[in-house]
Amino acid sequence: MTAPLVPAPLPHSVTVDLGGRTALVTGAAGGIGRACALRLAAAGAKVRAVDRDAAGLEELAAPGAGLTGTVEPVVLDLTDLDAAEQAAAGTDILVNNAGLQLVRPIEEFPPEVFHTVLTVMLEAPFRLIRGALPHMYGQRWGRIVNLSSVHGLRASAFKSAYVSAKHGLEGLSKTAALEGAPHGVTSNCVNPGYVRTPLVERQIADQAAAHGIPEEQVLTEVLLKDAALKRLVEPHEVAEAVAYLCTPQASFITGTSLALDGGWTAH
């Protein structure tokens, strides 16, 4: 499904020099995670690209133009919480992005899926932050960027697990900000609206069924209903916001949520 007004990718507008820094990005094989991994590598970081999609990571790590840093694929299922915590050791920048979605009414929502969503999208970020902080504290510098969502600030029907996880991530991020401040570590959320990713595209049919409307009406009547800007967010736009939060100029931004929601939360 295609939205109108698709902006062409622009040259990187934020000057970021991450040479010598190690970053970890989860859910890096596609969508927002892929865009973030490439953006940080373009800024010179050594990026640990974490995903359970080995083929997607292999494609991501293929030699590409414009990368002054490197991309190291790390095949990992984030439900393995001990392995997730270990993978974060020694990182200077942590981008918690991995997520999954299921659209169902609460009374029909499978409990095992609810558990998995909370594990991947809330408990795994906690363990990753826990694994990254000793190194960050030791050098008195670190950046934690949590890819939340407008659903970390607002709720929508039929997304009990996703909304619960994102609201929890907001609280975790703020707590990390308060604890990390004396150690030079910032922690923030980036809150996009609907982004043009496979995760969004896959929920079109579920949204149509849940709301009782044709699939072609989902974009305008559900996904973009509350946004002032009637288009999907592009992954590169989100990655640029993440990159900005890693700059020295963003050192006083912590414990906050940066909404890229096209005016959704202006209501």
C-alpha atoms as a PDB file:
ATOM      1  CA  MET A   1       0.000   0.000   0.000  1.00  0.00           C
ATOM      2  CA  THR A   2       1.504   3.329  -1.032  1.00  0.00           C
ATOM      3  CA  ALA A   3       1.055   6.668   0.724  1.00  0.00           C
ATOM      4  CA  PRO A   4       1.183  10.014  -1.104  1.00  0.00           C
ATOM      5  CA  LEU A   5       3.882  12.606  -0.617  1.00  0.00           C
ATOM      6  CA  VAL A   6       6.851  10.267  -0.282  1.00  0.00           C
ATOM      7  CA  PRO A   7       9.971  12.381   0.328  1.00  0.00           C
ATOM      8  CA  ALA A   8      13.137  11.425  -1.477  1.00  0.00           C
ATOM      9  CA  PRO A   9      16.061  10.570   0.808  1.00  0.00           C
ATOM     10  CA  LEU A  10      18.223  13.625   1.422  1.00  0.00           C
ATOM     11  CA  PRO A  11      21.950  13.798   2.131  1.00  0.00           C
ATOM     12  CA  HIS A  12      22.663  13.292   5.810  1.00  0.00           C
ATOM     13  CA  SER A  13      21.691  16.603   7.387  1.00  0.00           C
ATOM     14  CA  VAL A  14      23.251  16.025  10.794  1.00  0.00           C
ATOM     15  CA  THR A  15      27.049  16.125  11.017  1.00  0.00           C
ATOM     16  CA  VAL A  16      27.995  13.194  13.199  1.00  0.00           C
ATOM     17  CA  ASP A  17      31.491  11.854  13.818  1.00  0.00           C
ATOM     18  CA  LEU A  18      31.292   8.520  15.602  1.00  0.00           C
ATOM     19  CA  GLY A  19      34.751   7.326  14.699  1.00  0.00           C
ATOM     20  CA  GLY A  20      36.079   5.020  17.412  1.00  0.00           C
ATOM     21  CA  ARG A  21      32.606   4.373  18.828  1.00  0.00           C
ATOM     22  CA  THR A  22      30.891   0.999  18.958  1.00  0.00           C
ATOM     23  CA  ALA A  23      27.143   0.950  18.432  1.00  0.00           C
ATOM     24  CA  LEU A  24      24.631  -1.869  18.783  1.00  0.00           C
ATOM     25  CA  VAL A  25      21.356  -1.736  16.862  1.00  0.00           C
ATOM     26  CA  THR A  26      18.661  -4.373  17.356  1.00  0.00           C
ATOM     27  CA  GLY A  27      16.212  -5.360  14.630  1.00  0.00           C
ATOM     28  CA  ALA A  28      18.881  -4.237  12.171  1.00  0.00           C
ATOM     29  CA  ALA A  29      18.042  -6.488   9.233  1.00  0.00           C
ATOM     30  CA  GLY A  30      15.273  -4.239   7.915  1.00  0.00           C
ATOM     31  CA  GLY A  31      13.150  -1.139   8.307  1.00  0.00           C
ATOM     32  CA  ILE A  32      14.135   1.412  10.936  1.00  0.00           C
ATOM     33  CA  GLY A  33      16.902  -0.772  12.344  1.00  0.00           C
ATOM     34  CA  ARG A  34      18.580  -1.123   8.972  1.00  0.00           C
ATOM     35  CA  ALA A  35      18.401   2.624   8.386  1.00  0.00           C
ATOM     36  CA  CYS A  36      19.878   3.317  11.834  1.00  0.00           C
ATOM     37  CA  ALA A  37      22.694   0.802  11.405  1.00  0.00           C
ATOM     38  CA  LEU A  38      23.697   2.283   8.054  1.00  0.00           C
ATOM     39  CA  ARG A  39      23.417   5.857   9.339  1.00  0.00           C
ATOM     40  CA  LEU A  40      25.669   5.208  12.334  1.00  0.00           C
ATOM     41  CA  ALA A  41      28.151   3.292  10.192  1.00  0.00           C
ATOM     42  CA  ALA A  42      28.179   6.198   7.736  1.00  0.00           C
ATOM     43  CA  ALA A  43      29.192   8.380  10.691  1.00  0.00           C
ATOM     44  CA  GLY A  44      32.162   6.133  11.381  1.00  0.00           C
ATOM     45  CA  ALA A  45      30.835   3.814  14.085  1.00  0.00           C
ATOM     46  CA  LYS A  46      31.565   0.131  14.324  1.00  0.00           C
ATOM     47  CA  VAL A  47      27.999  -1.173  14.329  1.00  0.00           C
ATOM     48  CA  ARG A  48      26.931  -4.493  15.813  1.00  0.00           C
ATOM     49  CA  ALA A  49      23.839  -5.249  13.770  1.00  0.00           C
ATOM     50  CA  VAL A  50      21.640  -7.607  15.789  1.00  0.00           C
ATOM     51  CA  ASP A  51      18.735  -9.559  14.330  1.00  0.00           C
ATOM     52  CA  ARG A  52      17.494 -13.128  14.068  1.00  0.00           C
ATOM     53  CA  ASP A  53      17.248 -12.719  10.272  1.00  0.00           C
ATOM     54  CA  ALA A  54      20.629 -14.028   9.136  1.00  0.00           C
ATOM     55  CA  ALA A  55      19.957 -13.418   5.436  1.00  0.00           C
ATOM     56  CA  GLY A  56      18.890  -9.843   6.059  1.00  0.00           C
ATOM     57  CA  LEU A  57      22.002  -9.188   8.123  1.00  0.00           C
ATOM     58  CA  GLU A  58      24.232 -10.668   5.428  1.00  0.00           C
ATOM     59  CA  GLU A  59      22.737  -8.271   2.882  1.00  0.00           C
ATOM     60  CA  LEU A  60      23.111  -5.355   5.298  1.00  0.00           C
ATOM     61  CA  ALA A  61      26.777  -6.133   5.935  1.00  0.00           C
ATOM     62  CA  ALA A  62      27.661  -6.341   2.232  1.00  0.00           C
ATOM     63  CA  PRO A  63      30.181  -3.669   1.217  1.00  0.00           C
ATOM     64  CA  GLY A  64      28.419  -0.385   0.506  1.00  0.00           C
ATOM     65  CA  ALA A  65      29.352   3.121  -0.541  1.00  0.00           C
ATOM     66  CA  GLY A  66      29.554   5.949   1.943  1.00  0.00           C
ATOM     67  CA  LEU A  67      30.289   3.917   5.062  1.00  0.00           C
ATOM     68  CA  THR A  68      33.357   5.095   6.923  1.00  0.00           C
ATOM     69  CA  GLY A  69      32.533   2.693   9.751  1.00  0.00           C
ATOM     70  CA  THR A  70      31.743  -1.011   9.683  1.00  0.00           C
ATOM     71  CA  VAL A  71      28.732  -3.292  10.110  1.00  0.00           C
ATOM     72  CA  GLU A  72      29.216  -6.540  12.023  1.00  0.00           C
ATOM     73  CA  PRO A  73      26.243  -8.948  11.724  1.00  0.00           C
ATOM     74  CA  VAL A  74      25.217 -10.624  14.982  1.00  0.00           C
ATOM     75  CA  VAL A  75      22.537 -13.281  14.575  1.00  0.00           C
ATOM     76  CA  LEU A  76      20.611 -13.310  17.834  1.00  0.00           C
ATOM     77  CA  ASP A  77      17.076 -14.015  19.002  1.00  0.00           C
ATOM     78  CA  LEU A  78      16.328 -11.441  21.684  1.00  0.00           C
ATOM     79  CA  THR A  79      14.193 -13.896  23.616  1.00  0.00           C
ATOM     80  CA  ASP A  80      17.575 -15.286  24.695  1.00  0.00           C
ATOM     81  CA  LEU A  81      17.919 -12.601  27.337  1.00  0.00           C
ATOM     82  CA  ASP A  82      21.286 -13.709  28.723  1.00  0.00           C
ATOM     83  CA  ALA A  83      22.807 -13.608  25.234  1.00  0.00           C
ATOM     84  CA  ALA A  84      21.264 -10.181  24.626  1.00  0.00           C
ATOM     85  CA  GLU A  85      22.864  -8.756  27.755  1.00  0.00           C
ATOM     86  CA  GLN A  86      26.240 -10.232  26.840  1.00  0.00           C
ATOM     87  CA  ALA A  87      26.024  -8.829  23.293  1.00  0.00           C
ATOM     88  CA  ALA A  88      25.718  -5.291  24.649  1.00  0.00           C
ATOM     89  CA  ALA A  89      28.958  -5.378  26.627  1.00  0.00           C
ATOM     90  CA  GLY A  90      31.458  -2.763  25.497  1.00  0.00           C
ATOM     91  CA  THR A  91      29.036  -0.666  23.451  1.00  0.00           C
ATOM     92  CA  ASP A  92      29.127   3.129  23.469  1.00  0.00           C
ATOM     93  CA  ILE A  93      25.782   3.578  21.692  1.00  0.00           C
ATOM     94  CA  LEU A  94      22.754   1.325  22.121  1.00  0.00           C
ATOM     95  CA  VAL A  95      19.743   1.563  19.822  1.00  0.00           C
ATOM     96  CA  ASN A  96      16.851  -0.595  21.045  1.00  0.00           C
ATOM     97  CA  ASN A  97      14.709  -0.987  17.956  1.00  0.00           C
ATOM     98  CA  ALA A  98      13.545  -4.596  17.529  1.00  0.00           C
ATOM     99  CA  GLY A  99       9.804  -5.114  17.623  1.00  0.00           C
ATOM    100  CA  LEU A 100       6.863  -7.198  16.516  1.00  0.00           C
ATOM    101  CA  GLN A 101       3.169  -6.577  16.187  1.00  0.00           C
ATOM    102  CA  LEU A 102      -0.119  -8.436  16.303  1.00  0.00           C
ATOM    103  CA  VAL A 103      -3.475  -6.706  15.924  1.00  0.00           C
ATOM    104  CA  ARG A 104      -6.243  -8.452  17.881  1.00  0.00           C
ATOM    105  CA  PRO A 105      -8.925  -7.541  20.437  1.00  0.00           C
ATOM    106  CA  ILE A 106      -7.792  -8.257  23.999  1.00  0.00           C
ATOM    107  CA  GLU A 107     -10.209 -11.151  24.419  1.00  0.00           C
ATOM    108  CA  GLU A 108      -8.745 -12.803  21.312  1.00  0.00           C
ATOM    109  CA  PHE A 109      -5.099 -11.902  21.925  1.00  0.00           C
ATOM    110  CA  PRO A 110      -2.962 -15.050  22.401  1.00  0.00           C
ATOM    111  CA  PRO A 111      -1.293 -14.886  25.841  1.00  0.00           C
ATOM    112  CA  GLU A 112       1.874 -16.481  24.497  1.00  0.00           C
ATOM    113  CA  VAL A 113       2.210 -13.734  21.882  1.00  0.00           C
ATOM    114  CA  PHE A 114       1.643 -11.057  24.541  1.00  0.00           C
ATOM    115  CA  HIS A 115       4.473 -12.624  26.540  1.00  0.00           C
ATOM    116  CA  THR A 116       6.799 -12.717  23.527  1.00  0.00           C
ATOM    117  CA  VAL A 117       6.105  -9.089  22.604  1.00  0.00           C
ATOM    118  CA  LEU A 118       6.879  -7.921  26.142  1.00  0.00           C
ATOM    119  CA  THR A 119      10.016 -10.077  26.220  1.00  0.00           C
ATOM    120  CA  VAL A 120      11.439  -8.733  22.954  1.00  0.00           C
ATOM    121  CA  MET A 121      10.299  -5.123  23.279  1.00  0.00           C
ATOM    122  CA  LEU A 122      10.684  -4.424  27.007  1.00  0.00           C
ATOM    123  CA  GLU A 123      12.634  -7.080  28.873  1.00  0.00           C
ATOM    124  CA  ALA A 124      15.311  -7.405  26.174  1.00  0.00           C
ATOM    125  CA  PRO A 125      15.943  -3.623  26.125  1.00  0.00           C
ATOM    126  CA  PHE A 126      16.335  -3.747  29.911  1.00  0.00           C
ATOM    127  CA  ARG A 127      18.889  -6.529  29.604  1.00  0.00           C
ATOM    128  CA  LEU A 128      20.715  -4.763  26.764  1.00  0.00           C
ATOM    129  CA  ILE A 129      20.903  -1.533  28.763  1.00  0.00           C
ATOM    130  CA  ARG A 130      22.079  -3.518  31.769  1.00  0.00           C
ATOM    131  CA  GLY A 131      24.829  -5.068  29.664  1.00  0.00           C
ATOM    132  CA  ALA A 132      25.927  -1.770  28.122  1.00  0.00           C
ATOM    133  CA  LEU A 133      26.002   0.472  31.200  1.00  0.00           C
ATOM    134  CA  PRO A 134      29.190  -0.759  32.910  1.00  0.00           C
ATOM    135  CA  HIS A 135      31.297   0.235  29.886  1.00  0.00           C
ATOM    136  CA  MET A 136      29.393   3.506  29.399  1.00  0.00           C
ATOM    137  CA  TYR A 137      29.745   4.406  33.072  1.00  0.00           C
ATOM    138  CA  GLY A 138      33.415   3.479  33.045  1.00  0.00           C
ATOM    139  CA  GLN A 139      34.202   5.938  30.253  1.00  0.00           C
ATOM    140  CA  ARG A 140      31.635   8.498  31.435  1.00  0.00           C
ATOM    141  CA  TRP A 141      29.955   8.670  28.034  1.00  0.00           C
ATOM    142  CA  GLY A 142      27.125   6.770  26.436  1.00  0.00           C
ATOM    143  CA  ARG A 143      24.042   7.122  24.296  1.00  0.00           C
ATOM    144  CA  ILE A 144      20.913   4.997  24.688  1.00  0.00           C
ATOM    145  CA  VAL A 145      18.236   5.555  22.067  1.00  0.00           C
ATOM    146  CA  ASN A 146      15.032   3.580  22.435  1.00  0.00           C
ATOM    147  CA  LEU A 147      12.834   3.319  19.362  1.00  0.00           C
ATOM    148  CA  SER A 148       9.490   3.792  20.984  1.00  0.00           C
ATOM    149  CA  SER A 149       6.448   4.888  19.006  1.00  0.00           C
ATOM    150  CA  VAL A 150       3.568   7.286  19.068  1.00  0.00           C
ATOM    151  CA  HIS A 151       2.028   4.263  20.812  1.00  0.00           C
ATOM    152  CA  GLY A 152       4.379   4.919  23.699  1.00  0.00           C
ATOM    153  CA  LEU A 153       2.482   8.194  24.146  1.00  0.00           C
ATOM    154  CA  ARG A 154      -0.998   7.264  22.926  1.00  0.00           C
ATOM    155  CA  ALA A 155      -2.985   4.027  22.836  1.00  0.00           C
ATOM    156  CA  SER A 156      -4.818   2.412  19.942  1.00  0.00           C
ATOM    157  CA  ALA A 157      -7.395  -0.328  20.061  1.00  0.00           C
ATOM    158  CA  PHE A 158      -6.405  -3.927  19.279  1.00  0.00           C
ATOM    159  CA  LYS A 159      -2.691  -3.434  20.144  1.00  0.00           C
ATOM    160  CA  SER A 160      -2.601  -4.352  23.821  1.00  0.00           C
ATOM    161  CA  ALA A 161       0.836  -5.989  23.762  1.00  0.00           C
ATOM    162  CA  TYR A 162       2.544  -3.390  21.559  1.00  0.00           C
ATOM    163  CA  VAL A 163       1.112  -0.419  23.464  1.00  0.00           C
ATOM    164  CA  SER A 164       1.981  -2.009  26.817  1.00  0.00           C
ATOM    165  CA  ALA A 165       5.560  -2.679  25.699  1.00  0.00           C
ATOM    166  CA  LYS A 166       6.072   0.828  24.324  1.00  0.00           C
ATOM    167  CA  HIS A 167       4.620   2.499  27.417  1.00  0.00           C
ATOM    168  CA  GLY A 168       6.937   0.361  29.524  1.00  0.00           C
ATOM    169  CA  LEU A 169       9.900   1.286  27.329  1.00  0.00           C
ATOM    170  CA  GLU A 170       9.166   4.959  27.957  1.00  0.00           C
ATOM    171  CA  GLY A 171       9.446   4.391  31.701  1.00  0.00           C
ATOM    172  CA  LEU A 172      12.601   2.316  31.353  1.00  0.00           C
ATOM    173  CA  SER A 173      14.203   5.009  29.199  1.00  0.00           C
ATOM    174  CA  LYS A 174      13.427   7.747  31.718  1.00  0.00           C
ATOM    175  CA  THR A 175      14.793   5.662  34.581  1.00  0.00           C
ATOM    176  CA  ALA A 176      18.003   5.010  32.638  1.00  0.00           C
ATOM    177  CA  ALA A 177      18.260   8.748  31.994  1.00  0.00           C
ATOM    178  CA  LEU A 178      18.018   9.613  35.677  1.00  0.00           C
ATOM    179  CA  GLU A 179      20.518   6.962  36.704  1.00  0.00           C
ATOM    180  CA  GLY A 180      22.880   7.651  33.818  1.00  0.00           C
ATOM    181  CA  ALA A 181      23.053  11.440  34.127  1.00  0.00           C
ATOM    182  CA  PRO A 182      25.859  11.526  36.740  1.00  0.00           C
ATOM    183  CA  HIS A 183      27.888   9.216  34.468  1.00  0.00           C
ATOM    184  CA  GLY A 184      27.594  11.128  31.195  1.00  0.00           C
ATOM    185  CA  VAL A 185      25.037   8.712  29.740  1.00  0.00           C
ATOM    186  CA  THR A 186      21.868   9.961  28.046  1.00  0.00           C
ATOM    187  CA  SER A 187      18.747   7.924  27.372  1.00  0.00           C
ATOM    188  CA  ASN A 188      15.911   9.029  25.122  1.00  0.00           C
ATOM    189  CA  CYS A 189      13.004   7.674  23.132  1.00  0.00           C
ATOM    190  CA  VAL A 190      12.272   8.401  19.490  1.00  0.00           C
ATOM    191  CA  ASN A 191       8.553   8.171  18.796  1.00  0.00           C
ATOM    192  CA  PRO A 192       7.612   7.840  15.134  1.00  0.00           C
ATOM    193  CA  GLY A 193       4.124   7.456  13.813  1.00  0.00           C
ATOM    194  CA  TYR A 194       3.551   4.774  11.201  1.00  0.00           C
ATOM    195  CA  VAL A 195       6.787   4.140   9.326  1.00  0.00           C
ATOM    196  CA  ARG A 196       7.071   2.630   5.858  1.00  0.00           C
ATOM    197  CA  THR A 197       8.418  -0.744   7.023  1.00  0.00           C
ATOM    198  CA  PRO A 198       7.484  -4.415   6.584  1.00  0.00           C
ATOM    199  CA  LEU A 199       6.115  -4.370  10.159  1.00  0.00           C
ATOM    200  CA  VAL A 200       3.512  -1.770   9.154  1.00  0.00           C
ATOM    201  CA  GLU A 201       2.774  -3.354   5.788  1.00  0.00           C
ATOM    202  CA  ARG A 202       2.133  -6.741   7.423  1.00  0.00           C
ATOM    203  CA  GLN A 203      -0.543  -5.359   9.738  1.00  0.00           C
ATOM    204  CA  ILE A 204      -2.771  -3.964   6.965  1.00  0.00           C
ATOM    205  CA  ALA A 205      -4.855  -7.140   6.703  1.00  0.00           C
ATOM    206  CA  ASP A 206      -5.150  -7.494  10.481  1.00  0.00           C
ATOM    207  CA  GLN A 207      -6.234  -3.874  10.823  1.00  0.00           C
ATOM    208  CA  ALA A 208      -8.842  -4.328   8.108  1.00  0.00           C
ATOM    209  CA  ALA A 209     -10.280  -7.374   9.871  1.00  0.00           C
ATOM    210  CA  ALA A 210     -10.223  -5.762  13.324  1.00  0.00           C
ATOM    211  CA  HIS A 211     -11.944  -2.581  12.132  1.00  0.00           C
ATOM    212  CA  GLY A 212     -14.256  -4.258   9.632  1.00  0.00           C
ATOM    213  CA  ILE A 213     -13.128  -2.211   6.641  1.00  0.00           C
ATOM    214  CA  PRO A 214     -11.477  -3.006   3.283  1.00  0.00           C
ATOM    215  CA  GLU A 215      -7.678  -3.118   3.237  1.00  0.00           C
ATOM    216  CA  GLU A 216      -7.466  -0.135   0.880  1.00  0.00           C
ATOM    217  CA  GLN A 217      -9.136   2.053   3.538  1.00  0.00           C
ATOM    218  CA  VAL A 218      -6.739   1.127   6.358  1.00  0.00           C
ATOM    219  CA  LEU A 219      -4.091   3.697   5.460  1.00  0.00           C
ATOM    220  CA  THR A 220      -6.379   6.736   5.461  1.00  0.00           C
ATOM    221  CA  GLU A 221      -9.029   5.673   7.989  1.00  0.00           C
ATOM    222  CA  VAL A 222      -6.818   3.957  10.577  1.00  0.00           C
ATOM    223  CA  LEU A 223      -3.078   4.485  10.205  1.00  0.00           C
ATOM    224  CA  LEU A 224      -3.113   8.152   9.210  1.00  0.00           C
ATOM    225  CA  LYS A 225      -6.443   9.134  10.762  1.00  0.00           C
ATOM    226  CA  ASP A 226      -4.970  11.145  13.662  1.00  0.00           C
ATOM    227  CA  ALA A 227      -1.901  12.544  11.889  1.00  0.00           C
ATOM    228  CA  ALA A 228      -1.897  16.056  10.446  1.00  0.00           C
ATOM    229  CA  LEU A 229       0.649  15.035   7.805  1.00  0.00           C
ATOM    230  CA  LYS A 230      -1.033  12.384   5.703  1.00  0.00           C
ATOM    231  CA  ARG A 231       1.908  10.180   4.821  1.00  0.00           C
ATOM    232  CA  LEU A 232       4.018   7.447   6.344  1.00  0.00           C
ATOM    233  CA  VAL A 233       7.312   8.320   7.987  1.00  0.00           C
ATOM    234  CA  GLU A 234      10.364   7.120   6.076  1.00  0.00           C
ATOM    235  CA  PRO A 235      13.015   4.996   7.881  1.00  0.00           C
ATOM    236  CA  HIS A 236      15.801   7.416   6.936  1.00  0.00           C
ATOM    237  CA  GLU A 237      13.938  10.235   8.701  1.00  0.00           C
ATOM    238  CA  VAL A 238      13.867   8.229  11.908  1.00  0.00           C
ATOM    239  CA  ALA A 239      17.546   7.303  11.553  1.00  0.00           C
ATOM    240  CA  GLU A 240      18.465  10.981  11.243  1.00  0.00           C
ATOM    241  CA  ALA A 241      16.756  11.725  14.563  1.00  0.00           C
ATOM    242  CA  VAL A 242      18.625   8.834  16.175  1.00  0.00           C
ATOM    243  CA  ALA A 243      21.906  10.160  14.790  1.00  0.00           C
ATOM    244  CA  TYR A 244      21.237  13.622  16.200  1.00  0.00           C
ATOM    245  CA  LEU A 245      20.750  12.213  19.696  1.00  0.00           C
ATOM    246  CA  CYS A 246      24.277  10.766  19.460  1.00  0.00           C
ATOM    247  CA  THR A 247      25.921  14.145  18.798  1.00  0.00           C
ATOM    248  CA  PRO A 248      27.726  16.308  21.380  1.00  0.00           C
ATOM    249  CA  GLN A 249      25.096  18.977  20.698  1.00  0.00           C
ATOM    250  CA  ALA A 250      22.456  16.621  22.125  1.00  0.00           C
ATOM    251  CA  SER A 251      24.290  16.030  25.412  1.00  0.00           C
ATOM    252  CA  PHE A 252      21.654  17.959  27.399  1.00  0.00           C
ATOM    253  CA  ILE A 253      18.756  15.999  25.919  1.00  0.00           C
ATOM    254  CA  THR A 254      17.918  13.070  28.169  1.00  0.00           C
ATOM    255  CA  GLY A 255      14.849  11.449  29.631  1.00  0.00           C
ATOM    256  CA  THR A 256      12.626  12.747  26.873  1.00  0.00           C
ATOM    257  CA  SER A 257      10.578  11.475  23.951  1.00  0.00           C
ATOM    258  CA  LEU A 258      11.099  12.919  20.474  1.00  0.00           C
ATOM    259  CA  ALA A 259       7.860  12.600  18.523  1.00  0.00           C
ATOM    260  CA  LEU A 260       8.074  12.125  14.755  1.00  0.00           C
ATOM    261  CA  ASP A 261       4.354  11.653  14.449  1.00  0.00           C
ATOM    262  CA  GLY A 262       3.194  14.168  11.861  1.00  0.00           C
ATOM    263  CA  GLY A 263       1.151  16.037  14.463  1.00  0.00           C
ATOM    264  CA  TRP A 264      -0.657  13.006  15.892  1.00  0.00           C
ATOM    265  CA  THR A 265      -0.009  14.006  19.523  1.00  0.00           C
ATOM    266  CA  ALA A 266      -0.902  17.647  18.844  1.00  0.00           C
ATOM    267  CA  HIS A 267      -4.555  16.680  19.385  1.00  0.00           C
END
